[in-house]
Amino acid sequence: METHSQTEDTPDSRAILEGQLRECFGRVVYTHKTHEKCADILLLRLSRIKLWQIILSAITTAGFIGAVFGAGQIGALIGVLVSTALLAFNAYTKNYDLGELAQKHRQAGADLWIIREKYLSLITDLKMREKPIESLQGERDSLLNELHAVYAGAPSTKYEAYRKAQEALQRLEDMTFSDEEIDAFLPKELKKANKANAVDARTSRG
């Protein structure tokens, strides 16, 4: 791993490093969410295809049964057309395994989640100033290697998934929580509202 012993630990150096870490963190947040949306899109498409396979199978069977019992050439023709469509669906699902691809996107999302949290922790450590800048740079380099390994094995994402991720993060605020929402998951002693009330009480007494 590259060493950074020559870097001077100054406020400017930390500001530059923070800017890079924030940029990396933002990209990972978007990529993580995009892989999740890709998996959702593929699973929805797979469920629709399976539904149409069931419907077309039923129509095909009914068409050929009708032909056997004298429904005529129209019934047989409908049966042939529908069976051809069913064959195309079956060939598509055989050559393009949507379920497996969705699982790869899920796995990529899971791998990116832990990297996202590591970037967040690294930014926190940087702001707390408890670690020297050389240590922070080393952790950054390690995270870049982890990120490269995930990207190398991850399937390609689609623009549709990116747009859905953008909507979820910006409009629906998937990554944003109010203090009240976070407090709801914490025990009483750790709630931020309790600390704020205690500060207000001390202020009023003063």
N, C-alpha and C. Protein backbone atom coordinates (compact mmCIF):
# COMPACT_ATOMS: atom_id res chain seq x y z
N MET A 1 0.84 -1.19 0.00
CA MET A 1 0.00 0.00 0.00
C MET A 1 0.88 1.24 0.00
N GLU A 2 0.49 2.25 -0.73
CA GLU A 2 1.25 3.49 -0.81
C GLU A 2 1.24 4.19 0.55
N THR A 3 2.42 4.71 0.94
CA THR A 3 2.50 5.47 2.19
C THR A 3 2.38 6.95 1.90
N HIS A 4 1.95 7.69 2.93
CA HIS A 4 1.73 9.13 2.75
C HIS A 4 2.41 9.91 3.88
N SER A 5 3.61 9.47 4.26
CA SER A 5 4.30 10.07 5.40
C SER A 5 4.74 11.51 5.12
N GLN A 6 4.76 11.89 3.82
CA GLN A 6 5.22 13.23 3.47
C GLN A 6 4.09 14.27 3.52
N THR A 7 2.86 13.82 3.71
CA THR A 7 1.74 14.75 3.73
C THR A 7 1.73 15.54 5.04
N GLU A 8 1.68 16.82 4.93
CA GLU A 8 1.63 17.68 6.11
C GLU A 8 0.20 17.75 6.63
N ASP A 9 0.04 17.49 7.91
CA ASP A 9 -1.30 17.46 8.51
C ASP A 9 -1.73 18.88 8.85
N THR A 10 -2.35 19.54 7.89
CA THR A 10 -2.81 20.92 8.06
C THR A 10 -4.31 21.00 7.80
N PRO A 11 -4.96 22.08 8.22
CA PRO A 11 -6.38 22.23 7.91
C PRO A 11 -6.66 22.18 6.42
N ASP A 12 -5.78 22.74 5.60
CA ASP A 12 -5.99 22.69 4.16
C ASP A 12 -5.92 21.26 3.63
N SER A 13 -4.96 20.48 4.12
CA SER A 13 -4.83 19.09 3.69
C SER A 13 -6.08 18.29 4.07
N ARG A 14 -6.55 18.52 5.27
CA ARG A 14 -7.76 17.80 5.72
C ARG A 14 -8.98 18.24 4.92
N ALA A 15 -9.05 19.51 4.56
CA ALA A 15 -10.19 19.98 3.76
C ALA A 15 -10.17 19.34 2.37
N ILE A 16 -8.98 19.20 1.79
CA ILE A 16 -8.86 18.56 0.47
C ILE A 16 -9.27 17.09 0.57
N LEU A 17 -8.78 16.41 1.60
CA LEU A 17 -9.12 14.99 1.79
C LEU A 17 -10.61 14.83 2.04
N GLU A 18 -11.18 15.72 2.84
CA GLU A 18 -12.62 15.64 3.11
C GLU A 18 -13.43 15.81 1.82
N GLY A 19 -13.01 16.73 0.96
CA GLY A 19 -13.72 16.93 -0.29
C GLY A 19 -13.70 15.67 -1.15
N GLN A 20 -12.56 14.99 -1.20
CA GLN A 20 -12.48 13.76 -1.98
C GLN A 20 -13.34 12.66 -1.37
N LEU A 21 -13.28 12.52 -0.05
CA LEU A 21 -14.07 11.48 0.62
C LEU A 21 -15.57 11.72 0.45
N ARG A 22 -15.99 12.96 0.53
CA ARG A 22 -17.40 13.27 0.33
C ARG A 22 -17.85 12.92 -1.09
N GLU A 23 -17.00 13.21 -2.07
CA GLU A 23 -17.32 12.88 -3.45
C GLU A 23 -17.44 11.37 -3.63
N CYS A 24 -16.49 10.62 -3.07
CA CYS A 24 -16.54 9.16 -3.17
C CYS A 24 -17.77 8.61 -2.46
N PHE A 25 -18.06 9.16 -1.28
CA PHE A 25 -19.23 8.72 -0.53
C PHE A 25 -20.51 8.93 -1.33
N GLY A 26 -20.65 10.10 -1.94
CA GLY A 26 -21.84 10.38 -2.74
C GLY A 26 -22.00 9.42 -3.91
N ARG A 27 -20.89 9.11 -4.59
CA ARG A 27 -20.96 8.19 -5.72
C ARG A 27 -21.37 6.79 -5.27
N VAL A 28 -20.82 6.37 -4.13
CA VAL A 28 -21.16 5.03 -3.62
C VAL A 28 -22.62 4.96 -3.21
N VAL A 29 -23.12 6.04 -2.59
CA VAL A 29 -24.55 6.08 -2.21
C VAL A 29 -25.43 5.88 -3.43
N TYR A 30 -25.13 6.60 -4.51
CA TYR A 30 -25.93 6.49 -5.73
C TYR A 30 -25.79 5.12 -6.38
N THR A 31 -24.57 4.60 -6.43
CA THR A 31 -24.37 3.30 -7.07
C THR A 31 -25.05 2.19 -6.28
N HIS A 32 -24.96 2.26 -4.97
CA HIS A 32 -25.63 1.27 -4.12
C HIS A 32 -27.13 1.26 -4.38
N LYS A 33 -27.73 2.45 -4.39
CA LYS A 33 -29.18 2.55 -4.61
C LYS A 33 -29.55 2.12 -6.04
N THR A 34 -28.70 2.43 -7.02
CA THR A 34 -28.98 2.06 -8.40
C THR A 34 -28.99 0.55 -8.57
N HIS A 35 -28.06 -0.16 -7.93
CA HIS A 35 -28.06 -1.63 -8.00
C HIS A 35 -29.31 -2.20 -7.33
N GLU A 36 -29.75 -1.60 -6.25
CA GLU A 36 -30.99 -2.05 -5.62
C GLU A 36 -32.18 -1.88 -6.57
N LYS A 37 -32.23 -0.74 -7.25
CA LYS A 37 -33.32 -0.49 -8.19
C LYS A 37 -33.25 -1.41 -9.40
N CYS A 38 -32.04 -1.72 -9.85
CA CYS A 38 -31.88 -2.68 -10.96
C CYS A 38 -32.48 -4.03 -10.58
N ALA A 39 -32.18 -4.47 -9.37
CA ALA A 39 -32.72 -5.75 -8.91
C ALA A 39 -34.25 -5.70 -8.85
N ASP A 40 -34.80 -4.61 -8.35
CA ASP A 40 -36.27 -4.47 -8.27
C ASP A 40 -36.90 -4.52 -9.67
N ILE A 41 -36.29 -3.82 -10.63
CA ILE A 41 -36.82 -3.78 -12.00
C ILE A 41 -36.80 -5.17 -12.62
N LEU A 42 -35.69 -5.88 -12.45
CA LEU A 42 -35.56 -7.22 -13.05
C LEU A 42 -36.54 -8.22 -12.42
N LEU A 43 -36.71 -8.14 -11.11
CA LEU A 43 -37.64 -9.06 -10.44
C LEU A 43 -39.08 -8.78 -10.85
N LEU A 44 -39.42 -7.50 -11.03
CA LEU A 44 -40.76 -7.16 -11.50
C LEU A 44 -40.98 -7.68 -12.92
N ARG A 45 -39.97 -7.50 -13.78
CA ARG A 45 -40.06 -8.00 -15.15
C ARG A 45 -40.20 -9.53 -15.17
N LEU A 46 -39.46 -10.20 -14.29
CA LEU A 46 -39.53 -11.66 -14.22
C LEU A 46 -40.92 -12.13 -13.79
N SER A 47 -41.48 -11.44 -12.79
CA SER A 47 -42.82 -11.85 -12.33
C SER A 47 -43.87 -11.65 -13.42
N ARG A 48 -43.73 -10.59 -14.21
CA ARG A 48 -44.67 -10.36 -15.31
C ARG A 48 -44.53 -11.42 -16.40
N ILE A 49 -43.29 -11.78 -16.70
CA ILE A 49 -43.06 -12.82 -17.72
C ILE A 49 -43.65 -14.14 -17.26
N LYS A 50 -43.45 -14.49 -16.01
CA LYS A 50 -43.99 -15.75 -15.50
C LYS A 50 -45.52 -15.75 -15.55
N LEU A 51 -46.12 -14.59 -15.26
CA LEU A 51 -47.57 -14.49 -15.35
C LEU A 51 -48.04 -14.71 -16.78
N TRP A 52 -47.37 -14.08 -17.74
CA TRP A 52 -47.74 -14.25 -19.14
C TRP A 52 -47.48 -15.68 -19.62
N GLN A 53 -46.48 -16.32 -19.09
CA GLN A 53 -46.24 -17.72 -19.44
C GLN A 53 -47.41 -18.60 -19.01
N ILE A 54 -47.92 -18.33 -17.82
CA ILE A 54 -49.07 -19.10 -17.33
C ILE A 54 -50.30 -18.84 -18.20
N ILE A 55 -50.53 -17.56 -18.52
CA ILE A 55 -51.69 -17.21 -19.33
C ILE A 55 -51.59 -17.81 -20.72
N LEU A 56 -50.43 -17.69 -21.35
CA LEU A 56 -50.26 -18.22 -22.70
C LEU A 56 -50.33 -19.74 -22.73
N SER A 57 -49.83 -20.38 -21.68
CA SER A 57 -49.94 -21.85 -21.60
C SER A 57 -51.40 -22.29 -21.55
N ALA A 58 -52.18 -21.55 -20.76
CA ALA A 58 -53.61 -21.88 -20.67
C ALA A 58 -54.31 -21.66 -21.99
N ILE A 59 -54.00 -20.54 -22.68
CA ILE A 59 -54.63 -20.25 -23.98
C ILE A 59 -54.22 -21.28 -25.02
N THR A 60 -52.97 -21.67 -25.03
CA THR A 60 -52.47 -22.67 -25.98
C THR A 60 -53.18 -24.00 -25.80
N THR A 61 -53.28 -24.41 -24.55
CA THR A 61 -53.96 -25.67 -24.26
C THR A 61 -55.42 -25.62 -24.69
N ALA A 62 -56.07 -24.50 -24.37
CA ALA A 62 -57.49 -24.36 -24.75
C ALA A 62 -57.65 -24.34 -26.26
N GLY A 63 -56.72 -23.70 -26.99
CA GLY A 63 -56.80 -23.63 -28.44
C GLY A 63 -56.66 -24.98 -29.09
N PHE A 64 -55.72 -25.76 -28.65
CA PHE A 64 -55.53 -27.09 -29.25
C PHE A 64 -56.65 -28.05 -28.86
N ILE A 65 -57.15 -27.90 -27.66
CA ILE A 65 -58.30 -28.74 -27.28
C ILE A 65 -59.50 -28.39 -28.14
N GLY A 66 -59.69 -27.09 -28.37
CA GLY A 66 -60.79 -26.67 -29.24
C GLY A 66 -60.63 -27.19 -30.65
N ALA A 67 -59.39 -27.22 -31.14
CA ALA A 67 -59.15 -27.73 -32.50
C ALA A 67 -59.47 -29.20 -32.59
N VAL A 68 -59.11 -29.94 -31.54
CA VAL A 68 -59.39 -31.38 -31.54
C VAL A 68 -60.88 -31.65 -31.56
N PHE A 69 -61.64 -30.81 -30.86
CA PHE A 69 -63.08 -31.03 -30.77
C PHE A 69 -63.86 -30.21 -31.79
N GLY A 70 -63.20 -29.79 -32.84
CA GLY A 70 -63.91 -29.20 -33.96
C GLY A 70 -64.07 -27.70 -33.93
N ALA A 71 -63.16 -26.99 -33.28
CA ALA A 71 -63.27 -25.55 -33.26
C ALA A 71 -62.85 -24.93 -34.59
N GLY A 72 -62.23 -25.73 -35.44
CA GLY A 72 -61.90 -25.26 -36.78
C GLY A 72 -60.51 -24.67 -36.87
N GLN A 73 -60.23 -24.14 -38.08
CA GLN A 73 -58.89 -23.64 -38.35
C GLN A 73 -58.54 -22.39 -37.55
N ILE A 74 -59.53 -21.57 -37.25
CA ILE A 74 -59.25 -20.34 -36.49
C ILE A 74 -58.73 -20.67 -35.10
N GLY A 75 -59.37 -21.66 -34.45
CA GLY A 75 -58.91 -22.07 -33.12
C GLY A 75 -57.51 -22.64 -33.17
N ALA A 76 -57.23 -23.43 -34.22
CA ALA A 76 -55.89 -24.01 -34.35
C ALA A 76 -54.85 -22.93 -34.62
N LEU A 77 -55.22 -21.92 -35.46
CA LEU A 77 -54.30 -20.84 -35.77
C LEU A 77 -53.96 -20.02 -34.53
N ILE A 78 -55.00 -19.74 -33.72
CA ILE A 78 -54.76 -19.00 -32.47
C ILE A 78 -53.83 -19.78 -31.56
N GLY A 79 -54.05 -21.10 -31.51
CA GLY A 79 -53.20 -21.95 -30.69
C GLY A 79 -51.76 -21.92 -31.15
N VAL A 80 -51.54 -21.93 -32.46
CA VAL A 80 -50.18 -21.89 -33.01
C VAL A 80 -49.50 -20.56 -32.68
N LEU A 81 -50.24 -19.46 -32.88
CA LEU A 81 -49.68 -18.14 -32.61
C LEU A 81 -49.31 -17.97 -31.14
N VAL A 82 -50.22 -18.38 -30.30
CA VAL A 82 -49.97 -18.23 -28.86
C VAL A 82 -48.83 -19.14 -28.42
N SER A 83 -48.77 -20.35 -28.95
CA SER A 83 -47.69 -21.25 -28.58
C SER A 83 -46.34 -20.72 -29.05
N THR A 84 -46.34 -20.03 -30.20
CA THR A 84 -45.10 -19.41 -30.69
C THR A 84 -44.64 -18.30 -29.74
N ALA A 85 -45.60 -17.50 -29.29
CA ALA A 85 -45.27 -16.44 -28.32
C ALA A 85 -44.74 -17.05 -27.02
N LEU A 86 -45.36 -18.15 -26.60
CA LEU A 86 -44.92 -18.82 -25.38
C LEU A 86 -43.51 -19.36 -25.54
N LEU A 87 -43.23 -19.91 -26.73
CA LEU A 87 -41.89 -20.43 -27.00
C LEU A 87 -40.85 -19.30 -26.94
N ALA A 88 -41.23 -18.12 -27.45
CA ALA A 88 -40.31 -16.98 -27.40
C ALA A 88 -40.04 -16.55 -25.96
N PHE A 89 -41.08 -16.52 -25.13
CA PHE A 89 -40.90 -16.19 -23.72
C PHE A 89 -39.98 -17.20 -23.04
N ASN A 90 -40.21 -18.48 -23.31
CA ASN A 90 -39.40 -19.53 -22.69
C ASN A 90 -37.94 -19.43 -23.12
N ALA A 91 -37.71 -19.13 -24.40
CA ALA A 91 -36.34 -18.99 -24.89
C ALA A 91 -35.65 -17.78 -24.24
N TYR A 92 -36.42 -16.69 -24.06
CA TYR A 92 -35.86 -15.48 -23.45
C TYR A 92 -35.43 -15.75 -22.01
N THR A 93 -36.30 -16.40 -21.25
CA THR A 93 -35.97 -16.67 -19.84
C THR A 93 -34.85 -17.69 -19.70
N LYS A 94 -34.71 -18.56 -20.69
CA LYS A 94 -33.63 -19.55 -20.65
C LYS A 94 -32.29 -18.90 -20.95
N ASN A 95 -32.26 -18.00 -21.93
CA ASN A 95 -31.00 -17.37 -22.34
C ASN A 95 -30.64 -16.16 -21.49
N TYR A 96 -31.64 -15.59 -20.82
CA TYR A 96 -31.42 -14.37 -20.06
C TYR A 96 -32.05 -14.56 -18.69
N ASP A 97 -31.27 -15.09 -17.75
CA ASP A 97 -31.77 -15.45 -16.43
C ASP A 97 -31.95 -14.18 -15.58
N LEU A 98 -33.17 -13.66 -15.58
CA LEU A 98 -33.44 -12.42 -14.86
C LEU A 98 -33.27 -12.58 -13.36
N GLY A 99 -33.65 -13.75 -12.85
CA GLY A 99 -33.52 -13.98 -11.41
C GLY A 99 -32.07 -13.98 -10.96
N GLU A 100 -31.21 -14.64 -11.73
CA GLU A 100 -29.79 -14.67 -11.39
C GLU A 100 -29.17 -13.28 -11.49
N LEU A 101 -29.54 -12.54 -12.54
CA LEU A 101 -29.00 -11.19 -12.72
C LEU A 101 -29.46 -10.28 -11.58
N ALA A 102 -30.71 -10.41 -11.18
CA ALA A 102 -31.22 -9.61 -10.06
C ALA A 102 -30.44 -9.92 -8.78
N GLN A 103 -30.12 -11.20 -8.58
CA GLN A 103 -29.36 -11.59 -7.40
C GLN A 103 -27.95 -10.98 -7.41
N LYS A 104 -27.35 -10.88 -8.60
CA LYS A 104 -26.03 -10.25 -8.71
C LYS A 104 -26.10 -8.77 -8.35
N HIS A 105 -27.17 -8.12 -8.77
CA HIS A 105 -27.35 -6.71 -8.39
C HIS A 105 -27.56 -6.58 -6.89
N ARG A 106 -28.32 -7.50 -6.29
CA ARG A 106 -28.53 -7.48 -4.84
C ARG A 106 -27.19 -7.64 -4.11
N GLN A 107 -26.37 -8.57 -4.60
CA GLN A 107 -25.08 -8.81 -3.96
C GLN A 107 -24.17 -7.60 -4.10
N ALA A 108 -24.17 -6.98 -5.28
CA ALA A 108 -23.37 -5.76 -5.47
C ALA A 108 -23.84 -4.67 -4.52
N GLY A 109 -25.16 -4.54 -4.36
CA GLY A 109 -25.70 -3.55 -3.44
C GLY A 109 -25.27 -3.82 -2.00
N ALA A 110 -25.27 -5.10 -1.61
CA ALA A 110 -24.85 -5.46 -0.26
C ALA A 110 -23.37 -5.15 -0.04
N ASP A 111 -22.54 -5.44 -1.05
CA ASP A 111 -21.11 -5.15 -0.94
C ASP A 111 -20.85 -3.65 -0.88
N LEU A 112 -21.64 -2.89 -1.63
CA LEU A 112 -21.47 -1.43 -1.64
C LEU A 112 -21.98 -0.80 -0.36
N TRP A 113 -22.96 -1.44 0.28
CA TRP A 113 -23.50 -0.89 1.52
C TRP A 113 -22.41 -0.77 2.58
N ILE A 114 -21.61 -1.83 2.76
CA ILE A 114 -20.60 -1.79 3.81
C ILE A 114 -19.50 -0.78 3.45
N ILE A 115 -19.19 -0.64 2.15
CA ILE A 115 -18.20 0.36 1.74
C ILE A 115 -18.75 1.77 1.99
N ARG A 116 -20.04 1.95 1.71
CA ARG A 116 -20.69 3.25 1.98
C ARG A 116 -20.56 3.62 3.45
N GLU A 117 -20.81 2.66 4.34
CA GLU A 117 -20.72 2.93 5.77
C GLU A 117 -19.29 3.18 6.21
N LYS A 118 -18.33 2.52 5.56
CA LYS A 118 -16.92 2.77 5.88
C LYS A 118 -16.51 4.19 5.48
N TYR A 119 -17.00 4.65 4.33
CA TYR A 119 -16.71 6.02 3.94
C TYR A 119 -17.32 7.01 4.94
N LEU A 120 -18.51 6.73 5.39
CA LEU A 120 -19.15 7.60 6.36
C LEU A 120 -18.35 7.64 7.67
N SER A 121 -17.88 6.47 8.09
CA SER A 121 -17.07 6.41 9.31
C SER A 121 -15.74 7.14 9.12
N LEU A 122 -15.17 7.02 7.92
CA LEU A 122 -13.91 7.70 7.64
C LEU A 122 -14.06 9.22 7.68
N ILE A 123 -15.16 9.71 7.11
CA ILE A 123 -15.43 11.15 7.17
C ILE A 123 -15.63 11.60 8.61
N THR A 124 -16.30 10.77 9.40
CA THR A 124 -16.51 11.09 10.82
C THR A 124 -15.18 11.16 11.55
N ASP A 125 -14.30 10.17 11.31
CA ASP A 125 -12.98 10.18 11.95
C ASP A 125 -12.18 11.41 11.54
N LEU A 126 -12.31 11.79 10.28
CA LEU A 126 -11.60 12.98 9.80
C LEU A 126 -12.06 14.23 10.55
N LYS A 127 -13.36 14.38 10.72
CA LYS A 127 -13.90 15.57 11.39
C LYS A 127 -13.57 15.57 12.89
N MET A 128 -13.47 14.39 13.48
CA MET A 128 -13.16 14.31 14.91
C MET A 128 -11.68 14.57 15.20
N ARG A 129 -10.84 14.47 14.16
CA ARG A 129 -9.41 14.76 14.27
C ARG A 129 -8.69 13.87 15.27
N GLU A 130 -9.14 12.63 15.43
CA GLU A 130 -8.48 11.71 16.35
C GLU A 130 -7.41 10.88 15.66
N LYS A 131 -7.42 10.81 14.31
CA LYS A 131 -6.45 10.03 13.57
C LYS A 131 -5.56 10.95 12.74
N PRO A 132 -4.28 10.62 12.62
CA PRO A 132 -3.41 11.43 11.76
C PRO A 132 -3.83 11.29 10.29
N ILE A 133 -3.49 12.27 9.50
CA ILE A 133 -3.95 12.28 8.12
C ILE A 133 -3.37 11.12 7.32
N GLU A 134 -2.14 10.66 7.68
CA GLU A 134 -1.55 9.52 6.97
C GLU A 134 -2.40 8.26 7.15
N SER A 135 -2.92 8.07 8.36
CA SER A 135 -3.78 6.92 8.63
C SER A 135 -5.08 7.00 7.83
N LEU A 136 -5.64 8.19 7.77
CA LEU A 136 -6.88 8.40 7.00
C LEU A 136 -6.65 8.14 5.51
N GLN A 137 -5.50 8.58 5.01
CA GLN A 137 -5.20 8.35 3.60
C GLN A 137 -5.02 6.86 3.31
N GLY A 138 -4.41 6.15 4.24
CA GLY A 138 -4.26 4.71 4.06
C GLY A 138 -5.60 4.00 4.01
N GLU A 139 -6.52 4.39 4.89
CA GLU A 139 -7.86 3.81 4.87
C GLU A 139 -8.59 4.16 3.58
N ARG A 140 -8.40 5.38 3.10
CA ARG A 140 -9.01 5.78 1.83
C ARG A 140 -8.52 4.90 0.68
N ASP A 141 -7.20 4.66 0.63
CA ASP A 141 -6.64 3.83 -0.43
C ASP A 141 -7.18 2.41 -0.36
N SER A 142 -7.32 1.89 0.86
CA SER A 142 -7.86 0.54 1.03
C SER A 142 -9.30 0.47 0.54
N LEU A 143 -10.08 1.51 0.83
CA LEU A 143 -11.47 1.54 0.38
C LEU A 143 -11.56 1.61 -1.14
N LEU A 144 -10.64 2.35 -1.76
CA LEU A 144 -10.65 2.42 -3.23
C LEU A 144 -10.40 1.05 -3.84
N ASN A 145 -9.50 0.26 -3.24
CA ASN A 145 -9.25 -1.09 -3.72
C ASN A 145 -10.48 -1.98 -3.54
N GLU A 146 -11.15 -1.87 -2.39
CA GLU A 146 -12.37 -2.64 -2.15
C GLU A 146 -13.45 -2.26 -3.17
N LEU A 147 -13.55 -0.95 -3.44
CA LEU A 147 -14.56 -0.46 -4.37
C LEU A 147 -14.28 -0.98 -5.78
N HIS A 148 -13.03 -0.97 -6.17
CA HIS A 148 -12.66 -1.47 -7.50
C HIS A 148 -13.02 -2.95 -7.65
N ALA A 149 -12.79 -3.74 -6.61
CA ALA A 149 -13.12 -5.16 -6.65
C ALA A 149 -14.62 -5.38 -6.82
N VAL A 150 -15.42 -4.58 -6.14
CA VAL A 150 -16.89 -4.70 -6.27
C VAL A 150 -17.34 -4.31 -7.67
N TYR A 151 -16.84 -3.18 -8.16
CA TYR A 151 -17.23 -2.72 -9.49
C TYR A 151 -16.82 -3.71 -10.57
N ALA A 152 -15.66 -4.36 -10.41
CA ALA A 152 -15.18 -5.30 -11.42
C ALA A 152 -16.09 -6.51 -11.56
N GLY A 153 -16.71 -6.92 -10.45
CA GLY A 153 -17.57 -8.10 -10.50
C GLY A 153 -19.06 -7.81 -10.58
N ALA A 154 -19.43 -6.54 -10.58
CA ALA A 154 -20.85 -6.18 -10.58
C ALA A 154 -21.39 -6.09 -12.00
N PRO A 155 -22.65 -6.45 -12.22
CA PRO A 155 -23.27 -6.29 -13.54
C PRO A 155 -23.51 -4.82 -13.86
N SER A 156 -23.67 -4.52 -15.13
CA SER A 156 -23.90 -3.14 -15.55
C SER A 156 -25.28 -2.67 -15.10
N THR A 157 -25.37 -1.40 -14.76
CA THR A 157 -26.65 -0.82 -14.37
C THR A 157 -27.32 -0.14 -15.56
N LYS A 158 -28.60 0.14 -15.43
CA LYS A 158 -29.39 0.76 -16.49
C LYS A 158 -29.78 2.20 -16.09
N TYR A 159 -29.99 3.02 -17.10
CA TYR A 159 -30.37 4.41 -16.84
C TYR A 159 -31.70 4.49 -16.10
N GLU A 160 -32.62 3.59 -16.43
CA GLU A 160 -33.92 3.57 -15.75
C GLU A 160 -33.73 3.38 -14.25
N ALA A 161 -32.81 2.49 -13.88
CA ALA A 161 -32.54 2.24 -12.46
C ALA A 161 -31.91 3.46 -11.81
N TYR A 162 -31.02 4.13 -12.54
CA TYR A 162 -30.39 5.34 -12.00
C TYR A 162 -31.43 6.42 -11.72
N ARG A 163 -32.38 6.58 -12.65
CA ARG A 163 -33.42 7.59 -12.46
C ARG A 163 -34.28 7.27 -11.23
N LYS A 164 -34.57 5.98 -11.03
CA LYS A 164 -35.35 5.58 -9.86
C LYS A 164 -34.54 5.80 -8.58
N ALA A 165 -33.24 5.55 -8.65
CA ALA A 165 -32.39 5.80 -7.49
C ALA A 165 -32.33 7.28 -7.17
N GLN A 166 -32.23 8.09 -8.21
CA GLN A 166 -32.19 9.55 -8.03
C GLN A 166 -33.48 10.04 -7.38
N GLU A 167 -34.61 9.52 -7.83
CA GLU A 167 -35.89 9.91 -7.24
C GLU A 167 -35.97 9.49 -5.78
N ALA A 168 -35.51 8.27 -5.49
CA ALA A 168 -35.58 7.76 -4.12
C ALA A 168 -34.70 8.57 -3.17
N LEU A 169 -33.52 8.97 -3.64
CA LEU A 169 -32.59 9.68 -2.77
C LEU A 169 -32.91 11.16 -2.64
N GLN A 170 -33.38 11.78 -3.73
CA GLN A 170 -33.62 13.22 -3.72
C GLN A 170 -35.04 13.58 -3.30
N ARG A 171 -36.01 12.92 -3.91
CA ARG A 171 -37.40 13.30 -3.64
C ARG A 171 -37.97 12.55 -2.44
N LEU A 172 -37.72 11.23 -2.39
CA LEU A 172 -38.27 10.42 -1.30
C LEU A 172 -37.35 10.39 -0.09
N GLU A 173 -36.12 10.89 -0.24
CA GLU A 173 -35.17 11.02 0.86
C GLU A 173 -34.92 9.69 1.57
N ASP A 174 -34.56 8.66 0.77
CA ASP A 174 -34.31 7.33 1.34
C ASP A 174 -33.17 7.32 2.35
N MET A 175 -32.18 8.20 2.18
CA MET A 175 -31.02 8.21 3.07
C MET A 175 -31.12 9.30 4.14
N THR A 176 -32.26 9.95 4.27
CA THR A 176 -32.40 11.08 5.17
C THR A 176 -33.40 10.76 6.27
N PHE A 177 -33.03 11.05 7.52
CA PHE A 177 -33.91 10.79 8.65
C PHE A 177 -33.94 12.01 9.55
N SER A 178 -35.11 12.30 10.07
CA SER A 178 -35.21 13.38 11.05
C SER A 178 -34.75 12.87 12.41
N ASP A 179 -34.46 13.80 13.33
CA ASP A 179 -34.06 13.41 14.68
C ASP A 179 -35.16 12.58 15.35
N GLU A 180 -36.41 12.93 15.09
CA GLU A 180 -37.52 12.21 15.71
C GLU A 180 -37.57 10.77 15.21
N GLU A 181 -37.32 10.56 13.90
CA GLU A 181 -37.34 9.21 13.36
C GLU A 181 -36.23 8.35 13.96
N ILE A 182 -35.03 8.93 14.10
CA ILE A 182 -33.92 8.18 14.69
C ILE A 182 -34.17 7.90 16.17
N ASP A 183 -34.72 8.89 16.87
CA ASP A 183 -35.03 8.70 18.29
C ASP A 183 -35.99 7.53 18.52
N ALA A 184 -36.88 7.30 17.56
CA ALA A 184 -37.86 6.22 17.71
C ALA A 184 -37.20 4.85 17.79
N PHE A 185 -35.98 4.71 17.26
CA PHE A 185 -35.28 3.42 17.28
C PHE A 185 -34.32 3.28 18.45
N LEU A 186 -34.12 4.35 19.21
CA LEU A 186 -33.12 4.34 20.27
C LEU A 186 -33.77 4.25 21.65
N PRO A 187 -33.03 3.69 22.62
CA PRO A 187 -33.54 3.70 24.00
C PRO A 187 -33.61 5.13 24.53
N LYS A 188 -34.34 5.31 25.59
CA LYS A 188 -34.60 6.64 26.13
C LYS A 188 -33.32 7.40 26.42
N GLU A 189 -32.30 6.70 26.94
CA GLU A 189 -31.08 7.36 27.36
C GLU A 189 -30.29 7.94 26.18
N LEU A 190 -30.53 7.44 24.98
CA LEU A 190 -29.76 7.87 23.81
C LEU A 190 -30.54 8.81 22.89
N LYS A 191 -31.75 9.13 23.26
CA LYS A 191 -32.57 9.99 22.40
C LYS A 191 -32.03 11.41 22.40
N LYS A 192 -31.91 12.01 21.22
CA LYS A 192 -31.40 13.37 21.10
C LYS A 192 -32.36 14.38 21.69
N ALA A 193 -33.65 14.09 21.58
CA ALA A 193 -34.65 15.01 22.12
C ALA A 193 -34.48 15.19 23.63
N ASN A 194 -34.12 14.11 24.33
CA ASN A 194 -33.92 14.20 25.77
C ASN A 194 -32.76 15.12 26.10
N LYS A 195 -31.68 15.04 25.30
CA LYS A 195 -30.52 15.91 25.53
C LYS A 195 -30.88 17.37 25.28
N ALA A 196 -31.66 17.60 24.23
CA ALA A 196 -32.06 18.97 23.92
C ALA A 196 -32.93 19.54 25.04
N ASN A 197 -33.83 18.71 25.58
CA ASN A 197 -34.69 19.17 26.67
C ASN A 197 -33.87 19.47 27.93
N ALA A 198 -32.84 18.65 28.15
CA ALA A 198 -31.99 18.87 29.32
C ALA A 198 -31.22 20.17 29.19
N VAL A 199 -30.73 20.45 27.98
CA VAL A 199 -30.01 21.70 27.75
C VAL A 199 -30.94 22.89 27.95
N ASP A 200 -32.17 22.78 27.43
CA ASP A 200 -33.14 23.87 27.60
C ASP A 200 -33.45 24.10 29.08
N ALA A 201 -33.55 22.99 29.82
CA ALA A 201 -33.88 23.13 31.24
C ALA A 201 -32.75 23.83 31.99
N ARG A 202 -31.49 23.47 31.67
CA ARG A 202 -30.36 24.12 32.33
C ARG A 202 -30.29 25.60 31.95
N THR A 203 -30.61 25.90 30.68
CA THR A 203 -30.58 27.27 30.22
C THR A 203 -31.62 28.12 30.94
N SER A 204 -32.83 27.55 31.11
CA SER A 204 -33.90 28.30 31.76
C SER A 204 -33.59 28.53 33.23
N ARG A 205 -32.90 27.55 33.87
CA ARG A 205 -32.54 27.74 35.29
C ARG A 205 -31.44 28.77 35.45
N GLY A 206 -30.57 28.84 34.40
CA GLY A 206 -29.46 29.80 34.48
C GLY A 206 -29.97 31.21 34.31
